Structures are given as structure tokens and as C-alpha cells.
């Protein structure tokens, strides 16, 4: 079940909200837990046992770490047990087939692959449970004594499937006591609707455009069309994933939780370093706090710093998927970040801001081309087309066709990927009172029309993926 689906919007979420608000505060966590388990079981009933096991392992090790770990060396034992079990499960379910396939390719063997299915959201909830164990080891959080409360944290359906990665320290207090009020419900509902509109009206249409271009024979695709397709996929991925984060943050706010932001207009970045401060913030900060800084960060000399960058970005790529294109994508960014740090970063800041934006967006669009093709032969052919190493033409009639067919939506998507909304919101707040009074009424009408349009799209369109579900 995805958030942008009729069953969720018309049945699951309304029923949940009614019960959540009707029951007293002491029972709200249990209502949330019950519906969260039902939400996960909707797609994969079997793998709910895996999530229950993972949460119990970390909960139990947390109690043992607190009870017997009076010394750091003892706490470390329980930490490694917890992390080891979590990584073993993630490694088996997500990477076992990939490892067997790679061994067969390199050795010429024909080892049978396990063929296990990938549990939805395993990368997200595994990183959440590991962050609890690590923070507990560092004594940055207090242990949770109630297993059902801890399980509620792990399984919360607003962010269970595709993040943001919520650390226990962010919601620990709110799991026990949180303010649930009209203002939070309203603000959260607005944020949820914004994400829903981004997902259905922009991401899905950008994705449909990309799929059409991708399906064309390469002999019929010009260089300009190849870049247009890559831009369409970049916008699809951004609006798809940021929309999911918007909806998760909005639902969390409606329930009294304050999840941290996960995106900050990354396509407005002026460098690749800036891009990764703005894109998937919960993941990049997770790797920073639990991998990069413990390895020494940038404090251990140039060569160790380069090593640390390589390790983090190899793991970042691998986290996204069990395929070599994801590893290549991660190393691509690792190399660029190292070059920005030690080679051309100081010169980049002296360029006009417009050129800095263009530099960043070209690199990002090219990078997501690596991201989308898990077939290395297809990836190589498409990149050759983008950089015109083969005998391809620069611009063809198909480019103008797709630009004409999708130009308005493409322009809206590009505009909304920039910080236009906060700018508009800030300027509306400065309007004189007679005009300012009209803003809420107009906003209600706009949101209502967009909601009706969204429902119409969902009823009539079967193309409604969530790209990060596979991670």
C-alpha cells in the first residue's frame, strides 16, 4: 500500500485517524502500532516477522547493554551483537543474490542464488534500529524499557517504508508524551497534501515522460533528447522521494511527532557538497555520524580523509541497491566530492552563482543516469549518447515533440524544485490586512482543486510507483 493510493487515502488513513483521535492518550501508541503492523503486513505479511525479530534483538541488547555494560568494553559486546545481527539480515535479504551473481560472473561458476525476496523498507528500518544501539552505546539516549513502545518507534507507518530515517533520540520523548492539537493536525495535513500533489501531479508525469524516452531505440534518440530524459528522471526521483518525505513528516505532525527535514531544495545547490547537504539529509547525516566521523573524518590527514570519503560513498551507493551501477554512482560522488575539496572547490566559489548552479545540476542529472540503469551495457550505451561519443545527432524532431508535449509541466517542475514556495509564503505574510485575509480562502480553494485533480489522476492512471520502496 502506498500513500498515493485510493485504499490508503479513502480507507486506511481516515479510519486510523478517527480511532487515533477517539482513543485516550495512553492508548494512542497501541493504535499506532496496530495500524503500522497492518500497513506493513498489507504488502508482505511474512516479512513482518523479520521486522519484529530485528526490533526485539535491538531492544533486548539495549537492556543488556544498560544492565551489564557498566564498562565500555562490555557495552561494546552487546553493540557488536546487535549490529552484527542487523547487518547479517540486511546482507542476506538484500545482497545475497548480488554476491552469488558476482562470484559466478568472475569465476565462471554456476552457484545457485538464494532467490529471497527483498523486504520492503529493510534498509530504512535496519538503519533506524542500528542507530538506537549505537546511540545507546555512546550513552546519547536512554534505553527504552517497554518493548511495545520501542516496536512502535521501529514500525511507525508514516516513515517505515521509505524514510526519513528517524533516530530514536528524535522521537523518544514524544513516544511517551506528545502534544496532539488542532494546529499540528492542520499544519501536518497541509504538508501531507503538498507531498501528495508533488507525487501524483509532478513525479508520476515526469516518470511517464522518462519511460517513453527510455523505450525509444537509441538510434532514434538525439543527444538533446537523452539529456531531456535524464532530466525527467531526475525530477521524477526528486519529487517522488521528497513527496514521500513530505507526506511522512506531515502525517507525523498530525500524530504529534516532529520528524526532521529530509530535503532542502537539493536541485538549487551550488556544488556537489551543497547538494548532499540538501538531498536525503537523514541518510547523509547517518553515514556522517556513524561511519565518516568515527573513521576520523577530515581530521586525519589528506590520504586518510580520501579513504574515509571512499568508504562512505562506496557504502552509500551499495545501500541504495544490490547492483554495480549503485556502487559506481556512489564512487562517482565520492570522487567529485574529493575533487571539490582538494582541486577545484576554491575556484568554483569564485564563479557567478548561475554557473555554480549549472555545474551542480549537470553533474546531478548525469549521476542519476548512472543510478537508473542497473544493466551496465544499457548504461554504457546511454552515456555514450549523452556525451556524443558515438555517431548520434545533436537535436532531432523527437526532442521538440517531447518538449512541446511536456514543456509546461517540465517548467512547473523546474520552478517548484527551486525555493519558490518559501519565497512566496514569506511575501504573502507581508501583505496588508485586507489582502492578507483573502489568502487563506484562496489557499483552501487551490488545495481543494488540486486534491480533486489528484484523485482524478489516481482513479484514471495505473502508473503510480514509489521509487524508494525497493531500498
Protein backbone atom coordinates (compact mmCIF):
# COMPACT_ATOMS: atom_id res chain seq x y z
CA UNK A 1 0.00 0.00 0.00
CA UNK A 2 1.39 3.38 -0.96
CA UNK A 3 0.33 6.76 0.41
CA UNK A 4 -0.79 7.96 -3.00
CA UNK A 5 -3.37 5.22 -3.45
CA UNK A 6 -7.15 5.15 -3.14
CA UNK A 7 -7.18 2.42 -0.44
CA UNK A 8 -4.81 4.43 1.76
CA UNK A 9 -6.40 7.85 1.18
CA UNK A 10 -10.02 6.76 1.38
CA UNK A 11 -9.98 3.88 3.85
CA UNK A 12 -6.82 3.09 5.82
CA UNK A 13 -5.72 6.59 6.87
CA UNK A 14 -9.21 8.03 7.63
CA UNK A 15 -10.15 5.03 9.77
CA UNK A 16 -6.81 5.23 11.56
CA UNK A 17 -7.19 8.96 12.27
CA UNK A 18 -10.70 8.53 13.69
CA UNK A 19 -9.59 5.80 16.08
CA UNK A 20 -6.32 7.58 16.94
CA UNK A 21 -8.12 10.73 17.99
CA UNK A 22 -11.00 8.95 19.73
CA UNK A 23 -8.85 6.80 22.00
CA UNK A 24 -7.22 8.32 25.11
CA UNK A 25 -3.54 9.32 25.12
CA UNK A 26 -2.43 6.13 26.87
CA UNK A 27 -3.85 4.03 24.05
CA UNK A 28 -2.63 6.08 21.08
CA UNK A 29 0.69 4.23 20.79
CA UNK A 30 -1.15 0.91 20.66
CA UNK A 31 -3.46 2.16 17.91
CA UNK A 32 -0.44 3.43 16.01
CA UNK A 33 1.38 0.11 16.50
CA UNK A 34 -1.61 -1.97 15.41
CA UNK A 35 -2.16 0.02 12.22
CA UNK A 36 1.57 0.15 11.48
CA UNK A 37 1.85 -3.63 11.61
CA UNK A 38 -1.26 -3.94 9.45
CA UNK A 39 0.20 -1.43 6.98
CA UNK A 40 3.43 -3.43 6.64
CA UNK A 41 1.61 -6.76 6.51
CA UNK A 42 -0.56 -5.43 3.64
CA UNK A 43 2.37 -5.81 1.25
CA UNK A 44 4.45 -8.59 2.81
CA UNK A 45 2.83 -10.49 5.73
CA UNK A 46 5.75 -12.91 6.08
CA UNK A 47 8.45 -10.27 6.45
CA UNK A 48 6.68 -8.65 9.37
CA UNK A 49 8.33 -11.42 11.42
CA UNK A 50 11.72 -10.15 10.28
CA UNK A 51 10.96 -6.64 11.50
CA UNK A 52 9.66 -8.00 14.81
CA UNK A 53 12.84 -10.05 15.24
CA UNK A 54 15.14 -7.13 14.39
CA UNK A 55 13.37 -4.82 16.80
CA UNK A 56 13.44 -7.43 19.57
CA UNK A 57 17.19 -8.01 19.06
CA UNK A 58 18.00 -4.31 19.44
CA UNK A 59 15.56 -3.81 22.29
CA UNK A 60 16.98 -6.79 24.18
CA UNK A 61 20.59 -5.85 23.55
CA UNK A 62 19.79 -2.34 24.70
CA UNK A 63 18.55 -3.63 28.04
CA UNK A 64 21.56 -5.93 28.41
CA UNK A 65 23.93 -3.12 27.48
CA UNK A 66 22.42 -0.97 30.22
CA UNK A 67 22.22 -3.69 32.88
CA UNK A 68 25.59 -5.38 32.44
CA UNK A 69 27.57 -2.84 30.47
CA UNK A 70 28.98 -0.80 33.30
CA UNK A 71 32.25 -0.67 31.36
CA UNK A 72 32.64 0.43 27.76
CA UNK A 73 34.23 -2.88 26.79
CA UNK A 74 31.16 -4.79 27.98
CA UNK A 75 28.76 -2.41 26.27
CA UNK A 76 30.74 -2.92 23.07
CA UNK A 77 29.98 -6.66 23.14
CA UNK A 78 26.24 -6.06 23.07
CA UNK A 79 26.67 -3.36 20.44
CA UNK A 80 28.51 -5.72 18.10
CA UNK A 81 25.92 -8.46 18.64
CA UNK A 82 23.16 -6.04 17.71
CA UNK A 83 24.94 -4.52 14.72
CA UNK A 84 26.15 -7.92 13.55
CA UNK A 85 22.67 -9.43 13.51
CA UNK A 86 21.19 -6.39 11.77
CA UNK A 87 23.85 -6.29 9.07
CA UNK A 88 23.62 -10.06 8.59
CA UNK A 89 19.89 -9.83 7.92
CA UNK A 90 20.32 -6.86 5.60
CA UNK A 91 23.20 -8.58 3.83
CA UNK A 92 21.31 -11.82 3.29
CA UNK A 93 17.99 -10.44 2.13
CA UNK A 94 19.35 -7.56 0.07
CA UNK A 95 22.76 -8.67 -1.19
CA UNK A 96 22.92 -12.49 -1.21
CA UNK A 97 21.78 -12.83 -4.83
CA UNK A 98 24.09 -10.00 -5.89
CA UNK A 99 27.12 -11.66 -4.25
CA UNK A 100 26.36 -15.05 -5.83
CA UNK A 101 25.82 -13.42 -9.23
CA UNK A 102 29.13 -11.53 -8.96
CA UNK A 103 31.03 -14.69 -7.95
CA UNK A 104 29.53 -16.57 -10.89
CA UNK A 105 30.47 -13.79 -13.30
CA UNK A 106 34.07 -13.60 -12.07
CA UNK A 107 34.73 -17.31 -11.66
CA UNK A 108 32.58 -18.90 -14.35
CA UNK A 109 30.78 -20.99 -11.74
CA UNK A 110 27.04 -21.58 -11.66
CA UNK A 111 26.28 -21.30 -7.96
CA UNK A 112 22.54 -21.20 -7.24
CA UNK A 113 21.26 -17.86 -5.94
CA UNK A 114 19.12 -17.95 -2.75
CA UNK A 115 16.35 -16.12 -4.61
CA UNK A 116 14.93 -14.49 -1.47
CA UNK A 117 12.57 -11.55 -1.83
CA UNK A 118 13.58 -8.09 -0.67
CA UNK A 119 11.57 -7.00 2.39
CA UNK A 120 10.08 -3.55 1.79
CA UNK A 121 11.93 -0.78 3.61
CA UNK A 122 14.55 -3.08 5.16
CA UNK A 123 17.37 -0.59 4.56
CA UNK A 124 15.46 2.12 6.38
CA UNK A 125 14.31 0.26 9.47
CA UNK A 126 17.67 -1.54 9.80
CA UNK A 127 19.50 1.79 9.95
CA UNK A 128 16.97 3.04 12.50
CA UNK A 129 17.43 0.09 14.82
CA UNK A 130 21.22 0.24 14.48
CA UNK A 131 21.23 3.95 15.32
CA UNK A 132 19.39 3.14 18.56
CA UNK A 133 22.03 0.58 19.57
CA UNK A 134 24.93 2.87 18.67
CA UNK A 135 23.44 5.88 20.46
CA UNK A 136 22.76 3.72 23.49
CA UNK A 137 26.36 2.51 23.46
CA UNK A 138 27.50 6.14 23.33
CA UNK A 139 25.06 6.98 26.15
CA UNK A 140 23.35 9.56 23.94
CA UNK A 141 19.88 8.08 24.58
CA UNK A 142 18.23 6.31 27.48
CA UNK A 143 17.14 2.69 26.98
CA UNK A 144 13.50 2.07 26.18
CA UNK A 145 12.06 -0.28 28.81
CA UNK A 146 8.74 -1.01 27.09
CA UNK A 147 9.13 -3.30 24.09
CA UNK A 148 5.81 -2.27 22.55
CA UNK A 149 6.86 1.38 22.71
CA UNK A 150 10.14 0.53 21.01
CA UNK A 151 8.32 -1.55 18.39
CA UNK A 152 6.04 1.42 17.76
CA UNK A 153 9.13 3.52 17.03
CA UNK A 154 10.53 0.97 14.59
CA UNK A 155 7.26 0.26 12.79
CA UNK A 156 5.61 3.71 12.58
CA UNK A 157 3.91 3.53 9.18
CA UNK A 158 4.37 7.20 8.20
CA UNK A 159 8.11 6.67 7.76
CA UNK A 160 8.57 2.90 7.86
CA UNK A 161 8.79 2.18 4.14
CA UNK A 162 10.99 4.94 2.70
CA UNK A 163 12.08 7.20 5.49
CA UNK A 164 13.12 9.68 6.50
CA UNK A 165 15.43 7.67 8.77
CA UNK A 166 14.16 8.72 12.19
CA UNK A 167 16.56 8.27 15.08
CA UNK A 168 15.25 7.20 18.46
CA UNK A 169 16.64 10.37 20.04
CA UNK A 170 14.39 12.46 17.78
CA UNK A 171 11.13 10.88 18.98
CA UNK A 172 12.00 9.29 22.33
CA UNK A 173 10.23 11.89 24.41
CA UNK A 174 7.26 12.12 22.05
CA UNK A 175 6.73 8.36 22.21
CA UNK A 176 5.81 8.85 25.86
CA UNK A 177 4.26 12.30 25.84
CA UNK A 178 3.38 14.47 22.85
CA UNK A 179 1.15 17.39 22.07
CA UNK A 180 -1.71 16.46 19.75
CA UNK A 181 -3.60 19.58 18.83
CA UNK A 182 -5.55 21.31 16.09
CA UNK A 183 -2.58 23.35 14.89
CA UNK A 184 -0.42 20.26 14.47
CA UNK A 185 -3.21 18.45 12.65
CA UNK A 186 -3.76 21.38 10.28
CA UNK A 187 -0.07 22.00 9.53
CA UNK A 188 0.59 18.30 9.14
CA UNK A 189 -2.38 17.89 6.85
CA UNK A 190 -1.18 20.74 4.62
CA UNK A 191 2.29 19.18 4.45
CA UNK A 192 0.79 15.79 3.59
CA UNK A 193 -1.29 17.29 0.77
CA UNK A 194 1.73 19.12 -0.62
CA UNK A 195 3.59 15.83 -0.82
CA UNK A 196 0.58 14.09 -2.38
CA UNK A 197 0.31 16.74 -5.09
CA UNK A 198 4.04 16.59 -5.82
CA UNK A 199 3.93 12.83 -6.10
CA UNK A 200 0.84 12.37 -8.28
CA UNK A 201 0.79 15.52 -10.41
CA UNK A 202 4.52 16.03 -10.99
CA UNK A 203 6.59 12.92 -10.19
CA UNK A 204 4.28 10.48 -11.96
CA UNK A 205 4.09 12.62 -15.09
CA UNK A 206 7.84 13.19 -15.18
CA UNK A 207 8.26 9.45 -14.78
CA UNK A 208 5.91 8.73 -17.65
CA UNK A 209 7.92 11.07 -19.86
CA UNK A 210 11.17 9.35 -18.88
CA UNK A 211 9.73 5.89 -19.58
CA UNK A 212 8.69 6.97 -23.07
CA UNK A 213 12.15 8.33 -23.87
CA UNK A 214 13.87 5.33 -22.32
CA UNK A 215 11.83 2.95 -24.50
CA UNK A 216 12.98 4.60 -27.74
CA UNK A 217 15.64 2.81 -29.83
CA UNK A 218 18.92 4.65 -29.27
CA UNK A 219 19.30 5.16 -33.00
CA UNK A 220 16.20 7.39 -32.84
CA UNK A 221 17.35 9.43 -29.85
CA UNK A 222 19.34 12.64 -30.18
CA UNK A 223 21.82 13.90 -27.60
CA UNK A 224 19.36 16.61 -26.54
CA UNK A 225 16.59 14.04 -26.01
CA UNK A 226 18.89 11.82 -23.96
CA UNK A 227 19.60 14.75 -21.63
CA UNK A 228 15.90 15.64 -21.55
CA UNK A 229 15.10 12.07 -20.48
CA UNK A 230 17.78 12.14 -17.80
CA UNK A 231 16.41 15.46 -16.52
CA UNK A 232 12.89 14.00 -16.45
CA UNK A 233 14.09 11.05 -14.36
CA UNK A 234 15.97 13.38 -12.01
CA UNK A 235 12.81 15.41 -11.46
CA UNK A 236 10.75 12.24 -11.05
CA UNK A 237 13.11 10.90 -8.40
CA UNK A 238 13.31 14.22 -6.56
CA UNK A 239 9.57 14.85 -6.48
CA UNK A 240 8.82 11.19 -5.78
CA UNK A 241 11.14 10.84 -2.81
CA UNK A 242 10.74 14.35 -1.40
CA UNK A 243 6.96 13.92 -1.71
CA UNK A 244 7.15 10.73 0.36
CA UNK A 245 9.17 12.62 2.98
CA UNK A 246 6.64 15.46 2.94
CA UNK A 247 3.79 13.04 3.50
CA UNK A 248 5.70 11.20 6.23
CA UNK A 249 6.59 14.44 8.03
CA UNK A 250 3.02 15.70 7.61
CA UNK A 251 1.43 12.54 9.00
CA UNK A 252 3.92 12.51 11.84
CA UNK A 253 2.96 16.08 12.70
CA UNK A 254 -0.74 15.14 12.65
CA UNK A 255 0.06 12.43 15.21
CA UNK A 256 2.17 14.68 17.42
CA UNK A 257 5.66 13.70 16.15
CA UNK A 258 8.26 16.06 14.75
CA UNK A 259 10.38 14.22 12.18
CA UNK A 260 13.39 16.11 10.88
CA UNK A 261 13.51 17.50 7.36
CA UNK A 262 14.88 15.21 4.66
CA UNK A 263 15.19 17.58 1.68
CA UNK A 264 16.09 21.24 1.33
CA UNK A 265 15.75 22.06 -2.39
CA UNK A 266 18.77 19.99 -3.49
CA UNK A 267 18.44 20.96 -7.16
CA UNK A 268 19.12 24.54 -6.06
CA UNK A 269 22.60 23.52 -4.90
CA UNK A 270 25.73 25.42 -5.97
CA UNK A 271 28.09 22.46 -5.62
CA UNK A 272 28.04 18.73 -5.08
CA UNK A 273 28.97 19.27 -1.44
CA UNK A 274 25.98 21.57 -1.14
CA UNK A 275 23.76 19.06 -2.95
CA UNK A 276 24.48 16.36 -0.38
CA UNK A 277 23.68 18.74 2.45
CA UNK A 278 20.25 19.08 0.89
CA UNK A 279 19.42 15.62 -0.56
CA UNK A 280 18.26 12.71 1.64
CA UNK A 281 19.56 14.51 4.72
CA UNK A 282 18.65 11.70 7.12
CA UNK A 283 20.84 9.23 5.19
CA UNK A 284 23.82 11.53 4.64
CA UNK A 285 23.86 12.56 8.31
CA UNK A 286 23.55 8.89 9.32
CA UNK A 287 26.69 7.99 7.36
CA UNK A 288 28.42 11.12 8.65
CA UNK A 289 27.71 10.39 12.33
CA UNK A 290 28.15 6.61 12.34
CA UNK A 291 30.79 5.98 9.66
CA UNK A 292 32.62 9.10 8.48
CA UNK A 293 33.35 10.78 11.84
CA UNK A 294 34.30 7.53 13.67
CA UNK A 295 36.79 6.81 10.85
CA UNK A 296 38.39 10.19 11.54
CA UNK A 297 36.50 12.44 9.14
CA UNK A 298 38.80 15.09 7.68
CA UNK A 299 40.99 15.29 10.78
CA UNK A 300 43.47 12.51 9.98
CA UNK A 301 45.41 13.91 7.02
CA UNK A 302 44.70 14.01 3.31
CA UNK A 303 45.13 10.32 2.44
CA UNK A 304 43.04 9.05 5.33
CA UNK A 305 40.44 11.67 4.54
CA UNK A 306 40.28 10.39 0.95
CA UNK A 307 40.00 6.85 2.30
CA UNK A 308 37.12 7.91 4.55
CA UNK A 309 35.33 9.57 1.64
CA UNK A 310 35.79 6.43 -0.48
CA UNK A 311 34.44 4.13 2.26
CA UNK A 312 31.39 6.31 2.95
CA UNK A 313 30.43 6.73 -0.68
CA UNK A 314 31.01 3.09 -1.57
CA UNK A 315 28.61 2.20 1.27
CA UNK A 316 26.18 4.94 0.29
CA UNK A 317 25.99 3.57 -3.23
CA UNK A 318 25.65 -0.01 -2.01
CA UNK A 319 22.92 1.00 0.45
CA UNK A 320 20.75 2.09 -2.47
CA UNK A 321 20.76 -1.26 -4.20
CA UNK A 322 22.44 -4.57 -4.89
CA UNK A 323 23.84 -3.73 -8.29
CA UNK A 324 27.13 -2.37 -9.60
CA UNK A 325 25.57 0.78 -11.02
CA UNK A 326 24.72 1.89 -7.47
CA UNK A 327 28.29 1.27 -6.35
CA UNK A 328 29.52 3.21 -9.38
CA UNK A 329 27.05 6.00 -8.57
CA UNK A 330 28.34 6.24 -5.01
CA UNK A 331 32.00 6.30 -6.07
CA UNK A 332 31.14 8.88 -8.74
CA UNK A 333 30.03 11.25 -5.99
CA UNK A 334 32.93 10.30 -3.73
CA UNK A 335 35.43 11.26 -6.43
CA UNK A 336 33.63 14.52 -7.18
CA UNK A 337 33.45 15.48 -3.51
CA UNK A 338 37.17 14.78 -3.11
CA UNK A 339 37.95 16.89 -6.19
CA UNK A 340 35.80 19.73 -4.90
CA UNK A 341 37.60 19.57 -1.58
CA UNK A 342 41.17 19.44 -2.88
CA UNK A 343 41.23 20.60 -6.51
CA UNK A 344 38.63 23.00 -7.89
CA UNK A 345 36.32 23.84 -4.98
CA UNK A 346 38.03 27.15 -4.18
CA UNK A 347 37.77 28.20 -7.84
CA UNK A 348 34.13 27.15 -8.06
CA UNK A 349 33.09 29.61 -5.35
CA UNK A 350 34.53 32.49 -7.40
CA UNK A 351 32.26 31.80 -10.38
CA UNK A 352 28.92 33.59 -10.81
CA UNK A 353 26.17 31.83 -8.85
CA UNK A 354 24.32 30.91 -12.05
CA UNK A 355 27.34 28.93 -13.29
CA UNK A 356 27.64 27.21 -9.91
CA UNK A 357 24.00 26.10 -10.19
CA UNK A 358 24.51 24.85 -13.75
CA UNK A 359 27.66 22.97 -12.72
CA UNK A 360 25.78 21.20 -9.92
CA UNK A 361 22.66 20.33 -11.92
CA UNK A 362 24.62 18.90 -14.88
CA UNK A 363 26.61 16.64 -12.55
CA UNK A 364 23.47 15.56 -10.67
CA UNK A 365 21.48 14.78 -13.83
CA UNK A 366 24.39 12.79 -15.26
CA UNK A 367 24.77 10.99 -11.93
CA UNK A 368 21.14 9.88 -11.86
CA UNK A 369 21.65 8.38 -15.29
CA UNK A 370 24.12 6.01 -13.60
CA UNK A 371 21.56 5.47 -10.85
CA UNK A 372 18.66 4.41 -13.09
CA UNK A 373 20.35 1.77 -15.30
CA UNK A 374 21.18 -1.46 -13.46
CA UNK A 375 22.18 -3.06 -16.79
CA UNK A 376 25.75 -1.91 -17.36
CA UNK A 377 25.52 -2.36 -21.14
CA UNK A 378 22.45 -0.12 -21.31
CA UNK A 379 24.15 2.37 -19.03
CA UNK A 380 27.23 2.48 -21.26
CA UNK A 381 25.15 2.98 -24.40
CA UNK A 382 23.10 5.77 -22.85
CA UNK A 383 26.17 7.59 -21.51
CA UNK A 384 27.81 7.35 -24.94
CA UNK A 385 24.71 9.00 -26.33
CA UNK A 386 24.73 11.77 -23.70
CA UNK A 387 28.39 12.66 -24.31
CA UNK A 388 28.12 12.06 -28.07
CA UNK A 389 30.98 9.60 -28.40
CA UNK A 390 29.01 7.59 -30.97
CA UNK A 391 27.61 8.71 -34.30
CA UNK A 392 24.49 10.41 -32.95
CA UNK A 393 22.84 13.67 -33.95
CA UNK A 394 22.63 16.60 -31.55
CA UNK A 395 18.94 17.52 -31.85
CA UNK A 396 16.09 15.69 -33.55
CA UNK A 397 12.37 16.09 -34.11
CA UNK A 398 11.61 13.81 -31.17
CA UNK A 399 13.23 16.34 -28.84
CA UNK A 400 10.85 19.09 -29.88
CA UNK A 401 7.92 16.67 -29.68
CA UNK A 402 8.61 15.75 -26.05
CA UNK A 403 9.46 19.32 -25.17
CA UNK A 404 6.19 20.55 -26.67
CA UNK A 405 4.14 17.75 -25.08
CA UNK A 406 5.62 18.16 -21.61
CA UNK A 407 7.13 21.64 -21.67
CA UNK A 408 4.60 23.28 -19.35
CA UNK A 409 4.82 20.53 -16.74
CA UNK A 410 8.62 20.44 -17.09
CA UNK A 411 8.75 24.19 -16.47
CA UNK A 412 6.50 23.90 -13.40
CA UNK A 413 8.62 21.05 -12.05
CA UNK A 414 11.84 23.01 -12.51
CA UNK A 415 10.28 26.07 -10.89
CA UNK A 416 8.97 24.13 -7.88
CA UNK A 417 12.33 22.41 -7.41
CA UNK A 418 13.67 25.86 -6.54
CA UNK A 419 12.80 27.60 -3.20
CA UNK A 420 9.81 29.40 -4.72
CA UNK A 421 7.30 28.27 -2.09
CA UNK A 422 9.13 29.71 0.95
CA UNK A 423 9.76 32.92 -1.01
CA UNK A 424 6.08 33.19 -1.90
CA UNK A 425 5.00 32.35 1.64
CA UNK A 426 7.30 35.00 3.06
CA UNK A 427 6.00 37.68 0.70
CA UNK A 428 2.35 36.81 1.33
CA UNK A 429 2.91 37.32 5.05
CA UNK A 430 3.91 40.92 4.31
CA UNK A 431 0.65 41.80 2.54
CA UNK A 432 -1.68 44.38 4.01
CA UNK A 433 -4.51 43.06 6.18
CA UNK A 434 -7.43 43.37 3.70
CA UNK A 435 -5.49 41.40 1.08
CA UNK A 436 -3.92 39.00 3.62
CA UNK A 437 -7.40 37.93 4.74
CA UNK A 438 -8.10 36.59 1.28
CA UNK A 439 -5.00 34.37 1.21
CA UNK A 440 -6.38 31.56 3.44
CA UNK A 441 -9.62 31.43 1.44
CA UNK A 442 -7.80 31.31 -1.88
CA UNK A 443 -5.42 28.68 -0.49
CA UNK A 444 -8.33 26.46 0.54
CA UNK A 445 -9.80 26.67 -2.96
CA UNK A 446 -6.45 25.88 -4.59
CA UNK A 447 -5.82 22.89 -2.30
CA UNK A 448 -9.34 21.59 -2.90
CA UNK A 449 -8.98 21.83 -6.68
CA UNK A 450 -5.55 20.15 -6.58
CA UNK A 451 -6.92 17.38 -4.36
CA UNK A 452 -9.81 16.69 -6.75
CA UNK A 453 -7.37 16.69 -9.67
CA UNK A 454 -5.10 14.28 -7.78
CA UNK A 455 -7.95 11.87 -7.07
CA UNK A 456 -8.95 12.02 -10.73
CA UNK A 457 -5.40 11.10 -11.73
CA UNK A 458 -5.29 8.23 -9.25
CA UNK A 459 -8.60 6.81 -10.46
CA UNK A 460 -7.66 7.01 -14.11
CA UNK A 461 -3.92 6.24 -14.08
CA UNK A 462 -2.19 2.98 -13.22
CA UNK A 463 1.37 4.45 -13.25
CA UNK A 464 1.92 5.23 -9.58
CA UNK A 465 5.26 3.83 -8.33
CA UNK A 466 7.22 4.86 -5.27
CA UNK A 467 10.84 4.56 -6.40
CA UNK A 468 12.45 4.24 -2.97
CA UNK A 469 10.26 1.30 -1.94
CA UNK A 470 12.88 -1.04 -3.35
CA UNK A 471 15.51 0.29 -0.96
